[in-house]
Amino acid sequence: MTTSQHDARTALIVVDMQNDFGHPDGSLFVEGGDTIVGAINDKIEEVAGDGGLVVLTQDWHPASTPHFIDDGGVWPTHCVAGTWGAELVDGLDPNHRASAVIRKGTNGEDGYSAFSMREPGGDVDIPTGLAGLLRERGVERVVVVGLATDVCVSATAQSAATEDFETFVVWDATRPVYTDADTHTRTIDELNDAGVIVIGSTS
C-alpha cells in the first residue's frame, strides 16, 4: 500500500499501545513494543494527512475480571481502567490526529478484537461499535498496527476482513507476545486465510 492509496475511505486502527504492553515497566510488556512508536506515528501522519480516519484502541479492564489469572483467566493483571498501565504510551500521536478511541473489556469481557468482545468462556460476540463507526465515516479500507501481532492485532485484522473491509497489517509496526516460529507461522497463516494483506517483511 502506498501513500496514494490512503484517502477518506481509509481507517488506521492503532491497537493497544498502552503502558502495560508497550513500556518496559508494564505488567505484560511485549518485547520491542517500545520501539514501534515512531513507525506508528509515521503511519498516523500518513493516513491522517491523506484524509483518513485514525482510531486508537485501549484495553480498559476492571480490577477484578475472569480475564485475569488471579480470577481464573490466562493473563496477568493489566490495563486496569484509570491506572498508569492502561494509559497510552508517551509519544504516541503527538499531533493528536486520532479522532476516536475504542475501549475493550470495560465490563470484564475478553476484548481481543477492536470490533467485538466476549464474556469469558462465552461464545457470543458483543460489538464495540467500531464497525458502525467506520461505516458511518464511509470507510472501506482498514490498516492495523500496534500490539500485539499474534493477539489483538491479528484478532482485529481478522474481524475487519470479516466485516468486509479491505484489510492490511503493517508488520513492521507490530510486535508479538510470543516470538517462537510456530506462533509466527500460525499468525501469518490466519491472516492470509482471512484475506488480510500483510505489508512488510515477515521473516
N, C-alpha and C. Protein backbone atom coordinates (compact mmCIF):
# COMPACT_ATOMS: atom_id res chain seq x y z
N MET A 1 0.84 -1.19 0.00
CA MET A 1 0.00 0.00 0.00
C MET A 1 0.88 1.24 0.00
N THR A 2 0.62 2.15 -0.90
CA THR A 2 1.37 3.39 -0.98
C THR A 2 0.55 4.53 -0.41
N THR A 3 1.23 5.67 -0.22
CA THR A 3 0.53 6.84 0.31
C THR A 3 -0.66 7.20 -0.55
N SER A 4 -0.56 7.04 -1.85
CA SER A 4 -1.64 7.43 -2.75
C SER A 4 -2.88 6.58 -2.54
N GLN A 5 -2.76 5.44 -1.89
CA GLN A 5 -3.92 4.59 -1.65
C GLN A 5 -4.68 4.98 -0.39
N HIS A 6 -4.14 5.89 0.39
CA HIS A 6 -4.84 6.37 1.58
C HIS A 6 -5.72 7.55 1.19
N ASP A 7 -6.97 7.50 1.64
CA ASP A 7 -7.89 8.59 1.37
C ASP A 7 -8.95 8.56 2.45
N ALA A 8 -10.03 9.29 2.24
CA ALA A 8 -11.08 9.38 3.25
C ALA A 8 -11.78 8.05 3.51
N ARG A 9 -11.54 7.09 2.64
CA ARG A 9 -12.15 5.76 2.85
C ARG A 9 -11.24 4.83 3.64
N THR A 10 -10.12 5.34 4.14
CA THR A 10 -9.14 4.54 4.89
C THR A 10 -9.23 4.84 6.37
N ALA A 11 -9.15 3.80 7.19
CA ALA A 11 -9.05 3.97 8.65
C ALA A 11 -7.81 3.24 9.14
N LEU A 12 -7.04 3.91 9.96
CA LEU A 12 -5.91 3.31 10.65
C LEU A 12 -6.35 2.97 12.06
N ILE A 13 -6.21 1.70 12.44
CA ILE A 13 -6.54 1.27 13.80
C ILE A 13 -5.24 0.99 14.52
N VAL A 14 -4.96 1.77 15.56
CA VAL A 14 -3.76 1.62 16.37
C VAL A 14 -4.15 0.83 17.61
N VAL A 15 -3.68 -0.41 17.68
CA VAL A 15 -4.18 -1.35 18.69
C VAL A 15 -3.34 -1.32 19.96
N ASP A 16 -3.95 -0.94 21.06
CA ASP A 16 -3.47 -1.19 22.43
C ASP A 16 -2.03 -0.75 22.69
N MET A 17 -1.68 0.42 22.21
CA MET A 17 -0.35 0.96 22.51
C MET A 17 -0.38 1.61 23.89
N GLN A 18 -0.43 0.76 24.91
CA GLN A 18 -0.59 1.16 26.30
C GLN A 18 0.63 0.77 27.12
N ASN A 19 0.78 1.42 28.26
CA ASN A 19 1.98 1.20 29.06
C ASN A 19 2.18 -0.26 29.47
N ASP A 20 1.11 -0.95 29.83
CA ASP A 20 1.29 -2.33 30.27
C ASP A 20 1.80 -3.24 29.16
N PHE A 21 1.60 -2.85 27.91
CA PHE A 21 2.09 -3.63 26.77
C PHE A 21 3.34 -3.01 26.15
N GLY A 22 3.39 -1.68 26.10
CA GLY A 22 4.40 -1.02 25.30
C GLY A 22 5.49 -0.31 26.07
N HIS A 23 5.51 -0.45 27.40
CA HIS A 23 6.56 0.16 28.22
C HIS A 23 7.29 -0.96 28.97
N PRO A 24 8.60 -0.91 29.05
CA PRO A 24 9.35 -1.99 29.72
C PRO A 24 8.92 -2.25 31.15
N ASP A 25 8.31 -1.28 31.82
CA ASP A 25 7.83 -1.50 33.19
C ASP A 25 6.41 -2.03 33.24
N GLY A 26 5.81 -2.25 32.09
CA GLY A 26 4.43 -2.72 32.05
C GLY A 26 4.29 -4.16 32.52
N SER A 27 3.12 -4.50 33.00
CA SER A 27 2.90 -5.84 33.58
C SER A 27 2.86 -6.94 32.53
N LEU A 28 2.61 -6.58 31.28
CA LEU A 28 2.56 -7.56 30.20
C LEU A 28 3.32 -7.01 28.99
N PHE A 29 4.54 -6.53 29.28
CA PHE A 29 5.34 -5.87 28.24
C PHE A 29 5.61 -6.80 27.07
N VAL A 30 5.34 -6.31 25.88
CA VAL A 30 5.62 -7.03 24.65
C VAL A 30 7.02 -6.61 24.18
N GLU A 31 7.92 -7.56 24.11
CA GLU A 31 9.31 -7.24 23.75
C GLU A 31 9.35 -6.47 22.43
N GLY A 32 10.01 -5.32 22.46
CA GLY A 32 10.10 -4.49 21.27
C GLY A 32 8.92 -3.55 21.09
N GLY A 33 7.94 -3.64 21.98
CA GLY A 33 6.76 -2.79 21.86
C GLY A 33 7.07 -1.31 21.98
N ASP A 34 8.16 -1.01 22.67
CA ASP A 34 8.55 0.39 22.84
C ASP A 34 9.33 0.93 21.65
N THR A 35 9.64 0.08 20.69
CA THR A 35 10.45 0.51 19.54
C THR A 35 9.61 0.87 18.31
N ILE A 36 8.31 0.67 18.36
CA ILE A 36 7.49 0.86 17.16
C ILE A 36 6.67 2.14 17.19
N VAL A 37 6.84 2.95 18.26
CA VAL A 37 6.04 4.18 18.35
C VAL A 37 6.31 5.10 17.16
N GLY A 38 7.57 5.23 16.78
CA GLY A 38 7.91 6.09 15.65
C GLY A 38 7.26 5.63 14.36
N ALA A 39 7.33 4.32 14.09
CA ALA A 39 6.71 3.78 12.87
C ALA A 39 5.21 3.99 12.87
N ILE A 40 4.59 3.83 14.04
CA ILE A 40 3.15 4.04 14.13
C ILE A 40 2.81 5.51 13.93
N ASN A 41 3.58 6.39 14.53
CA ASN A 41 3.32 7.82 14.33
C ASN A 41 3.47 8.22 12.87
N ASP A 42 4.44 7.65 12.19
CA ASP A 42 4.60 7.92 10.75
C ASP A 42 3.35 7.50 9.99
N LYS A 43 2.82 6.33 10.35
CA LYS A 43 1.62 5.84 9.67
C LYS A 43 0.41 6.71 10.03
N ILE A 44 0.33 7.15 11.27
CA ILE A 44 -0.76 8.06 11.66
C ILE A 44 -0.74 9.32 10.81
N GLU A 45 0.43 9.92 10.68
CA GLU A 45 0.55 11.15 9.90
C GLU A 45 0.22 10.91 8.43
N GLU A 46 0.66 9.77 7.94
CA GLU A 46 0.42 9.43 6.53
C GLU A 46 -1.07 9.30 6.25
N VAL A 47 -1.76 8.52 7.07
CA VAL A 47 -3.19 8.29 6.85
C VAL A 47 -4.00 9.56 7.10
N ALA A 48 -3.73 10.22 8.23
CA ALA A 48 -4.48 11.44 8.54
C ALA A 48 -4.22 12.54 7.51
N GLY A 49 -2.98 12.62 7.05
CA GLY A 49 -2.64 13.62 6.06
C GLY A 49 -3.35 13.42 4.74
N ASP A 50 -3.73 12.18 4.46
CA ASP A 50 -4.46 11.88 3.24
C ASP A 50 -5.97 11.84 3.45
N GLY A 51 -6.42 12.33 4.62
CA GLY A 51 -7.85 12.45 4.86
C GLY A 51 -8.49 11.26 5.52
N GLY A 52 -7.67 10.27 5.93
CA GLY A 52 -8.21 9.08 6.56
C GLY A 52 -8.52 9.26 8.03
N LEU A 53 -9.18 8.26 8.59
CA LEU A 53 -9.59 8.25 9.99
C LEU A 53 -8.56 7.49 10.82
N VAL A 54 -8.23 8.01 12.00
CA VAL A 54 -7.32 7.33 12.92
C VAL A 54 -8.08 6.98 14.19
N VAL A 55 -8.05 5.69 14.54
CA VAL A 55 -8.74 5.19 15.73
C VAL A 55 -7.71 4.53 16.64
N LEU A 56 -7.74 4.87 17.92
CA LEU A 56 -6.90 4.22 18.92
C LEU A 56 -7.76 3.25 19.72
N THR A 57 -7.18 2.11 20.11
CA THR A 57 -7.90 1.19 20.99
C THR A 57 -7.16 1.06 22.32
N GLN A 58 -7.92 0.74 23.36
CA GLN A 58 -7.36 0.51 24.68
C GLN A 58 -8.07 -0.66 25.34
N ASP A 59 -7.29 -1.60 25.91
CA ASP A 59 -7.85 -2.48 26.92
C ASP A 59 -8.21 -1.60 28.11
N TRP A 60 -9.34 -1.88 28.74
CA TRP A 60 -9.81 -1.00 29.81
C TRP A 60 -10.60 -1.85 30.81
N HIS A 61 -9.85 -2.64 31.59
CA HIS A 61 -10.45 -3.68 32.41
C HIS A 61 -10.78 -3.21 33.83
N PRO A 62 -11.79 -3.83 34.45
CA PRO A 62 -11.96 -3.63 35.89
C PRO A 62 -10.83 -4.33 36.64
N ALA A 63 -10.67 -3.99 37.92
CA ALA A 63 -9.57 -4.56 38.70
C ALA A 63 -9.70 -6.06 38.89
N SER A 64 -10.91 -6.56 38.89
CA SER A 64 -11.15 -7.99 39.04
C SER A 64 -12.01 -8.47 37.87
N THR A 65 -11.51 -9.45 37.15
CA THR A 65 -12.23 -9.98 36.00
C THR A 65 -11.73 -11.39 35.69
N PRO A 66 -12.61 -12.29 35.24
CA PRO A 66 -12.17 -13.63 34.86
C PRO A 66 -11.14 -13.64 33.72
N HIS A 67 -10.89 -12.48 33.13
CA HIS A 67 -9.86 -12.35 32.10
C HIS A 67 -8.46 -12.51 32.70
N PHE A 68 -8.32 -12.25 34.02
CA PHE A 68 -7.02 -12.24 34.69
C PHE A 68 -6.74 -13.57 35.40
N ILE A 69 -5.47 -13.90 35.50
CA ILE A 69 -5.04 -15.14 36.16
C ILE A 69 -5.60 -15.23 37.58
N ASP A 70 -5.54 -14.14 38.32
CA ASP A 70 -5.98 -14.15 39.72
C ASP A 70 -7.45 -14.49 39.87
N ASP A 71 -8.21 -14.36 38.79
CA ASP A 71 -9.64 -14.66 38.84
C ASP A 71 -10.01 -15.82 37.92
N GLY A 72 -9.00 -16.64 37.58
CA GLY A 72 -9.26 -17.83 36.79
C GLY A 72 -8.97 -17.73 35.32
N GLY A 73 -8.46 -16.56 34.86
CA GLY A 73 -8.17 -16.38 33.45
C GLY A 73 -6.76 -16.78 33.08
N VAL A 74 -6.27 -16.24 31.97
CA VAL A 74 -4.97 -16.67 31.44
C VAL A 74 -3.93 -15.55 31.42
N TRP A 75 -4.33 -14.30 31.70
CA TRP A 75 -3.40 -13.18 31.56
C TRP A 75 -3.10 -12.54 32.91
N PRO A 76 -1.86 -12.09 33.11
CA PRO A 76 -1.57 -11.28 34.29
C PRO A 76 -2.45 -10.02 34.30
N THR A 77 -2.67 -9.48 35.48
CA THR A 77 -3.45 -8.25 35.58
C THR A 77 -2.80 -7.15 34.73
N HIS A 78 -3.62 -6.50 33.90
CA HIS A 78 -3.09 -5.47 33.00
C HIS A 78 -4.18 -4.49 32.63
N CYS A 79 -3.77 -3.29 32.28
CA CYS A 79 -4.66 -2.26 31.73
C CYS A 79 -5.94 -2.09 32.55
N VAL A 80 -5.76 -1.99 33.86
CA VAL A 80 -6.90 -1.71 34.72
C VAL A 80 -7.32 -0.25 34.52
N ALA A 81 -8.60 -0.04 34.33
CA ALA A 81 -9.13 1.28 33.98
C ALA A 81 -8.62 2.35 34.94
N GLY A 82 -8.11 3.44 34.37
CA GLY A 82 -7.69 4.57 35.14
C GLY A 82 -6.29 4.50 35.72
N THR A 83 -5.58 3.39 35.50
CA THR A 83 -4.23 3.24 36.02
C THR A 83 -3.19 3.62 34.98
N TRP A 84 -1.94 3.76 35.46
CA TRP A 84 -0.83 4.06 34.56
C TRP A 84 -0.72 3.02 33.46
N GLY A 85 -0.91 1.76 33.81
CA GLY A 85 -0.76 0.69 32.83
C GLY A 85 -1.74 0.77 31.68
N ALA A 86 -2.89 1.38 31.92
CA ALA A 86 -3.91 1.49 30.87
C ALA A 86 -3.71 2.71 29.99
N GLU A 87 -2.86 3.64 30.43
CA GLU A 87 -2.64 4.85 29.64
C GLU A 87 -1.89 4.55 28.35
N LEU A 88 -2.13 5.36 27.34
CA LEU A 88 -1.38 5.25 26.10
C LEU A 88 0.08 5.61 26.34
N VAL A 89 0.98 4.97 25.61
CA VAL A 89 2.40 5.21 25.82
C VAL A 89 2.76 6.64 25.46
N ASP A 90 3.75 7.16 26.16
CA ASP A 90 4.22 8.51 25.88
C ASP A 90 4.71 8.63 24.44
N GLY A 91 4.39 9.73 23.82
CA GLY A 91 4.89 9.99 22.46
C GLY A 91 4.00 9.50 21.36
N LEU A 92 2.94 8.76 21.69
CA LEU A 92 2.03 8.27 20.66
C LEU A 92 1.14 9.40 20.16
N ASP A 93 1.01 9.52 18.85
CA ASP A 93 0.14 10.51 18.20
C ASP A 93 0.37 11.92 18.76
N PRO A 94 1.58 12.43 18.65
CA PRO A 94 1.89 13.73 19.26
C PRO A 94 1.10 14.89 18.68
N ASN A 95 0.61 14.74 17.46
CA ASN A 95 -0.16 15.82 16.83
C ASN A 95 -1.67 15.63 16.96
N HIS A 96 -2.06 14.66 17.79
CA HIS A 96 -3.48 14.45 18.12
C HIS A 96 -4.32 14.25 16.86
N ARG A 97 -3.88 13.36 16.03
CA ARG A 97 -4.59 13.07 14.79
C ARG A 97 -5.77 12.11 15.01
N ALA A 98 -5.72 11.30 16.06
CA ALA A 98 -6.80 10.34 16.30
C ALA A 98 -8.09 11.07 16.65
N SER A 99 -9.19 10.57 16.12
CA SER A 99 -10.48 11.20 16.39
C SER A 99 -11.44 10.28 17.13
N ALA A 100 -11.00 9.05 17.44
CA ALA A 100 -11.87 8.13 18.17
C ALA A 100 -11.01 7.18 18.99
N VAL A 101 -11.56 6.76 20.13
CA VAL A 101 -10.93 5.76 20.98
C VAL A 101 -11.96 4.67 21.26
N ILE A 102 -11.56 3.42 21.04
CA ILE A 102 -12.40 2.27 21.33
C ILE A 102 -11.81 1.55 22.53
N ARG A 103 -12.58 1.38 23.59
CA ARG A 103 -12.12 0.68 24.78
C ARG A 103 -12.76 -0.69 24.86
N LYS A 104 -11.93 -1.69 25.23
CA LYS A 104 -12.36 -3.08 25.20
C LYS A 104 -12.27 -3.69 26.60
N GLY A 105 -13.23 -4.56 26.92
CA GLY A 105 -13.18 -5.26 28.19
C GLY A 105 -13.62 -4.44 29.37
N THR A 106 -14.42 -3.41 29.13
CA THR A 106 -14.78 -2.46 30.20
C THR A 106 -15.60 -3.11 31.30
N ASN A 107 -16.32 -4.16 30.99
CA ASN A 107 -17.13 -4.86 31.99
C ASN A 107 -16.58 -6.25 32.29
N GLY A 108 -15.29 -6.44 32.02
CA GLY A 108 -14.65 -7.72 32.33
C GLY A 108 -14.65 -8.72 31.20
N GLU A 109 -15.08 -8.28 30.02
CA GLU A 109 -15.11 -9.20 28.88
C GLU A 109 -13.68 -9.49 28.38
N ASP A 110 -13.55 -10.55 27.61
CA ASP A 110 -12.34 -10.77 26.82
C ASP A 110 -12.44 -9.85 25.61
N GLY A 111 -11.47 -8.95 25.48
CA GLY A 111 -11.55 -7.97 24.39
C GLY A 111 -10.32 -8.04 23.52
N TYR A 112 -10.24 -9.02 22.64
CA TYR A 112 -9.07 -9.15 21.77
C TYR A 112 -9.24 -8.32 20.50
N SER A 113 -10.35 -8.50 19.81
CA SER A 113 -10.61 -7.71 18.61
C SER A 113 -11.15 -6.35 19.00
N ALA A 114 -10.78 -5.32 18.23
CA ALA A 114 -11.34 -3.99 18.45
C ALA A 114 -12.80 -3.91 18.02
N PHE A 115 -13.28 -4.93 17.34
CA PHE A 115 -14.64 -4.92 16.82
C PHE A 115 -15.65 -5.58 17.74
N SER A 116 -15.19 -6.50 18.60
CA SER A 116 -16.15 -7.22 19.45
C SER A 116 -15.46 -7.80 20.67
N MET A 117 -16.27 -8.10 21.69
CA MET A 117 -15.78 -8.71 22.92
C MET A 117 -16.64 -9.95 23.21
N ARG A 118 -16.18 -10.73 24.18
CA ARG A 118 -16.96 -11.88 24.63
C ARG A 118 -16.84 -12.03 26.14
N GLU A 119 -17.94 -12.48 26.75
CA GLU A 119 -17.85 -12.85 28.16
C GLU A 119 -16.86 -14.01 28.28
N PRO A 120 -15.99 -14.01 29.30
CA PRO A 120 -15.03 -15.12 29.45
C PRO A 120 -15.75 -16.46 29.44
N GLY A 121 -15.29 -17.34 28.56
CA GLY A 121 -15.90 -18.65 28.41
C GLY A 121 -17.14 -18.65 27.54
N GLY A 122 -17.56 -17.48 27.08
CA GLY A 122 -18.75 -17.38 26.26
C GLY A 122 -18.45 -17.49 24.78
N ASP A 123 -19.50 -17.51 23.96
CA ASP A 123 -19.31 -17.63 22.52
C ASP A 123 -20.17 -16.63 21.74
N VAL A 124 -20.66 -15.61 22.42
CA VAL A 124 -21.49 -14.60 21.78
C VAL A 124 -20.70 -13.30 21.65
N ASP A 125 -20.57 -12.80 20.44
CA ASP A 125 -19.84 -11.55 20.21
C ASP A 125 -20.66 -10.36 20.68
N ILE A 126 -19.98 -9.45 21.38
CA ILE A 126 -20.59 -8.21 21.85
C ILE A 126 -19.92 -7.07 21.09
N PRO A 127 -20.61 -6.42 20.16
CA PRO A 127 -19.96 -5.39 19.34
C PRO A 127 -19.45 -4.22 20.18
N THR A 128 -18.32 -3.67 19.77
CA THR A 128 -17.79 -2.47 20.42
C THR A 128 -18.33 -1.19 19.79
N GLY A 129 -18.92 -1.31 18.63
CA GLY A 129 -19.41 -0.14 17.90
C GLY A 129 -18.45 0.34 16.82
N LEU A 130 -17.26 -0.29 16.75
CA LEU A 130 -16.27 0.17 15.77
C LEU A 130 -16.74 -0.02 14.34
N ALA A 131 -17.32 -1.16 14.03
CA ALA A 131 -17.76 -1.40 12.65
C ALA A 131 -18.76 -0.34 12.20
N GLY A 132 -19.71 -0.03 13.08
CA GLY A 132 -20.69 1.00 12.75
C GLY A 132 -20.06 2.37 12.56
N LEU A 133 -19.10 2.70 13.42
CA LEU A 133 -18.39 3.98 13.28
C LEU A 133 -17.70 4.08 11.94
N LEU A 134 -17.00 3.01 11.55
CA LEU A 134 -16.28 3.03 10.28
C LEU A 134 -17.24 3.18 9.11
N ARG A 135 -18.34 2.49 9.16
CA ARG A 135 -19.30 2.60 8.06
C ARG A 135 -19.93 3.98 8.01
N GLU A 136 -20.21 4.55 9.16
CA GLU A 136 -20.75 5.92 9.19
C GLU A 136 -19.80 6.91 8.54
N ARG A 137 -18.49 6.65 8.68
CA ARG A 137 -17.48 7.55 8.11
C ARG A 137 -17.14 7.20 6.67
N GLY A 138 -17.80 6.19 6.12
CA GLY A 138 -17.55 5.81 4.73
C GLY A 138 -16.27 5.04 4.51
N VAL A 139 -15.77 4.40 5.56
CA VAL A 139 -14.52 3.66 5.45
C VAL A 139 -14.72 2.36 4.67
N GLU A 140 -13.79 2.07 3.79
CA GLU A 140 -13.78 0.82 3.04
C GLU A 140 -12.51 0.02 3.26
N ARG A 141 -11.46 0.69 3.74
CA ARG A 141 -10.12 0.08 3.84
C ARG A 141 -9.61 0.30 5.27
N VAL A 142 -9.10 -0.77 5.89
CA VAL A 142 -8.61 -0.70 7.27
C VAL A 142 -7.14 -1.11 7.30
N VAL A 143 -6.33 -0.32 8.00
CA VAL A 143 -4.91 -0.62 8.21
C VAL A 143 -4.72 -0.80 9.71
N VAL A 144 -4.06 -1.90 10.10
CA VAL A 144 -3.93 -2.23 11.52
C VAL A 144 -2.45 -2.24 11.91
N VAL A 145 -2.14 -1.59 13.04
CA VAL A 145 -0.79 -1.57 13.61
C VAL A 145 -0.94 -1.70 15.13
N GLY A 146 0.18 -1.92 15.84
CA GLY A 146 0.14 -1.90 17.30
C GLY A 146 0.51 -3.22 17.94
N LEU A 147 -0.10 -3.49 19.09
CA LEU A 147 0.25 -4.64 19.92
C LEU A 147 -0.99 -5.46 20.28
N ALA A 148 -0.83 -6.75 20.34
CA ALA A 148 0.35 -7.49 19.90
C ALA A 148 -0.02 -8.24 18.62
N THR A 149 0.98 -8.46 17.77
CA THR A 149 0.74 -9.05 16.46
C THR A 149 -0.10 -10.31 16.53
N ASP A 150 0.27 -11.22 17.44
CA ASP A 150 -0.33 -12.54 17.49
C ASP A 150 -1.59 -12.60 18.34
N VAL A 151 -1.99 -11.49 18.94
CA VAL A 151 -3.18 -11.49 19.79
C VAL A 151 -4.17 -10.45 19.25
N CYS A 152 -4.12 -9.23 19.77
CA CYS A 152 -5.16 -8.26 19.44
C CYS A 152 -5.04 -7.66 18.04
N VAL A 153 -3.81 -7.54 17.53
CA VAL A 153 -3.66 -7.07 16.15
C VAL A 153 -4.27 -8.07 15.18
N SER A 154 -3.91 -9.34 15.34
CA SER A 154 -4.44 -10.38 14.46
C SER A 154 -5.96 -10.48 14.58
N ALA A 155 -6.47 -10.47 15.81
CA ALA A 155 -7.91 -10.58 16.00
C ALA A 155 -8.64 -9.40 15.38
N THR A 156 -8.09 -8.20 15.53
CA THR A 156 -8.71 -7.01 14.96
C THR A 156 -8.71 -7.06 13.43
N ALA A 157 -7.58 -7.46 12.86
CA ALA A 157 -7.49 -7.53 11.40
C ALA A 157 -8.44 -8.59 10.84
N GLN A 158 -8.51 -9.75 11.48
CA GLN A 158 -9.42 -10.78 11.00
C GLN A 158 -10.87 -10.32 11.09
N SER A 159 -11.22 -9.62 12.17
CA SER A 159 -12.58 -9.09 12.30
C SER A 159 -12.88 -8.06 11.23
N ALA A 160 -11.91 -7.19 10.95
CA ALA A 160 -12.11 -6.19 9.91
C ALA A 160 -12.40 -6.84 8.56
N ALA A 161 -11.64 -7.89 8.26
CA ALA A 161 -11.86 -8.59 7.00
C ALA A 161 -13.24 -9.27 6.98
N THR A 162 -13.63 -9.85 8.12
CA THR A 162 -14.94 -10.47 8.22
C THR A 162 -16.06 -9.45 8.02
N GLU A 163 -15.80 -8.23 8.45
CA GLU A 163 -16.78 -7.14 8.26
C GLU A 163 -16.73 -6.55 6.86
N ASP A 164 -15.95 -7.19 5.99
CA ASP A 164 -15.87 -6.82 4.57
C ASP A 164 -15.11 -5.53 4.30
N PHE A 165 -14.22 -5.15 5.22
CA PHE A 165 -13.28 -4.08 4.92
C PHE A 165 -12.04 -4.68 4.28
N GLU A 166 -11.51 -4.01 3.27
CA GLU A 166 -10.21 -4.40 2.74
C GLU A 166 -9.19 -4.13 3.84
N THR A 167 -8.44 -5.15 4.23
CA THR A 167 -7.68 -5.05 5.48
C THR A 167 -6.21 -5.34 5.27
N PHE A 168 -5.38 -4.51 5.92
CA PHE A 168 -3.93 -4.61 5.85
C PHE A 168 -3.36 -4.61 7.27
N VAL A 169 -2.28 -5.35 7.48
CA VAL A 169 -1.48 -5.25 8.70
C VAL A 169 -0.09 -4.79 8.30
N VAL A 170 0.39 -3.71 8.92
CA VAL A 170 1.75 -3.24 8.67
C VAL A 170 2.66 -3.98 9.65
N TRP A 171 3.30 -5.04 9.17
CA TRP A 171 4.02 -5.97 10.03
C TRP A 171 5.10 -5.30 10.87
N ASP A 172 5.83 -4.38 10.27
CA ASP A 172 6.93 -3.74 10.98
C ASP A 172 6.46 -2.74 12.03
N ALA A 173 5.18 -2.45 12.08
CA ALA A 173 4.62 -1.56 13.10
C ALA A 173 3.81 -2.36 14.11
N THR A 174 4.20 -3.63 14.29
CA THR A 174 3.61 -4.50 15.30
C THR A 174 4.72 -5.30 15.96
N ARG A 175 4.42 -5.89 17.11
CA ARG A 175 5.32 -6.83 17.77
C ARG A 175 4.49 -7.92 18.44
N PRO A 176 4.99 -9.17 18.47
CA PRO A 176 4.21 -10.27 19.04
C PRO A 176 4.50 -10.52 20.52
N VAL A 177 3.53 -11.12 21.20
CA VAL A 177 3.77 -11.62 22.56
C VAL A 177 4.72 -12.81 22.50
N TYR A 178 4.41 -13.75 21.62
CA TYR A 178 5.19 -14.98 21.51
C TYR A 178 6.02 -14.94 20.23
N THR A 179 7.32 -15.15 20.37
CA THR A 179 8.23 -14.99 19.24
C THR A 179 8.67 -16.31 18.62
N ASP A 180 8.10 -17.43 19.06
CA ASP A 180 8.50 -18.73 18.52
C ASP A 180 8.02 -18.88 17.08
N ALA A 181 8.69 -19.77 16.35
CA ALA A 181 8.42 -19.94 14.93
C ALA A 181 7.00 -20.44 14.66
N ASP A 182 6.49 -21.32 15.53
CA ASP A 182 5.15 -21.86 15.32
C ASP A 182 4.08 -20.76 15.42
N THR A 183 4.22 -19.88 16.42
CA THR A 183 3.26 -18.78 16.56
C THR A 183 3.37 -17.82 15.39
N HIS A 184 4.59 -17.54 14.97
CA HIS A 184 4.83 -16.67 13.81
C HIS A 184 4.11 -17.21 12.58
N THR A 185 4.30 -18.48 12.30
CA THR A 185 3.68 -19.11 11.12
C THR A 185 2.17 -19.14 11.25
N ARG A 186 1.68 -19.50 12.44
CA ARG A 186 0.24 -19.56 12.65
C ARG A 186 -0.41 -18.20 12.45
N THR A 187 0.21 -17.15 12.97
CA THR A 187 -0.36 -15.81 12.83
C THR A 187 -0.45 -15.40 11.37
N ILE A 188 0.61 -15.62 10.63
CA ILE A 188 0.60 -15.26 9.21
C ILE A 188 -0.45 -16.07 8.46
N ASP A 189 -0.52 -17.37 8.75
CA ASP A 189 -1.50 -18.23 8.07
C ASP A 189 -2.92 -17.77 8.37
N GLU A 190 -3.19 -17.41 9.64
CA GLU A 190 -4.54 -16.97 10.00
C GLU A 190 -4.90 -15.67 9.29
N LEU A 191 -3.94 -14.76 9.19
CA LEU A 191 -4.20 -13.51 8.48
C LEU A 191 -4.44 -13.77 7.00
N ASN A 192 -3.60 -14.60 6.40
CA ASN A 192 -3.77 -14.92 4.98
C ASN A 192 -5.11 -15.59 4.72
N ASP A 193 -5.47 -16.53 5.59
CA ASP A 193 -6.73 -17.25 5.41
C ASP A 193 -7.94 -16.32 5.52
N ALA A 194 -7.79 -15.27 6.31
CA ALA A 194 -8.89 -14.30 6.48
C ALA A 194 -8.94 -13.28 5.35
N GLY A 195 -7.94 -13.32 4.46
CA GLY A 195 -7.89 -12.37 3.37
C GLY A 195 -7.22 -11.06 3.72
N VAL A 196 -6.49 -11.04 4.85
CA VAL A 196 -5.75 -9.85 5.27
C VAL A 196 -4.44 -9.77 4.51
N ILE A 197 -4.09 -8.60 4.04
CA ILE A 197 -2.85 -8.38 3.31
C ILE A 197 -1.80 -7.87 4.29
N VAL A 198 -0.68 -8.59 4.39
CA VAL A 198 0.40 -8.21 5.29
C VAL A 198 1.43 -7.40 4.51
N ILE A 199 1.73 -6.18 5.01
CA ILE A 199 2.68 -5.29 4.38
C ILE A 199 4.00 -5.35 5.14
N GLY A 200 5.09 -5.51 4.42
CA GLY A 200 6.40 -5.53 5.06
C GLY A 200 6.93 -6.94 5.23
N SER A 201 8.18 -7.03 5.67
CA SER A 201 8.84 -8.32 5.80
C SER A 201 8.32 -9.07 7.01
N THR A 202 8.00 -10.34 6.82
CA THR A 202 7.57 -11.19 7.93
C THR A 202 8.63 -12.22 8.28
N SER A 203 9.83 -12.07 7.74
CA SER A 203 10.90 -13.05 8.00
C SER A 203 11.56 -12.78 9.35
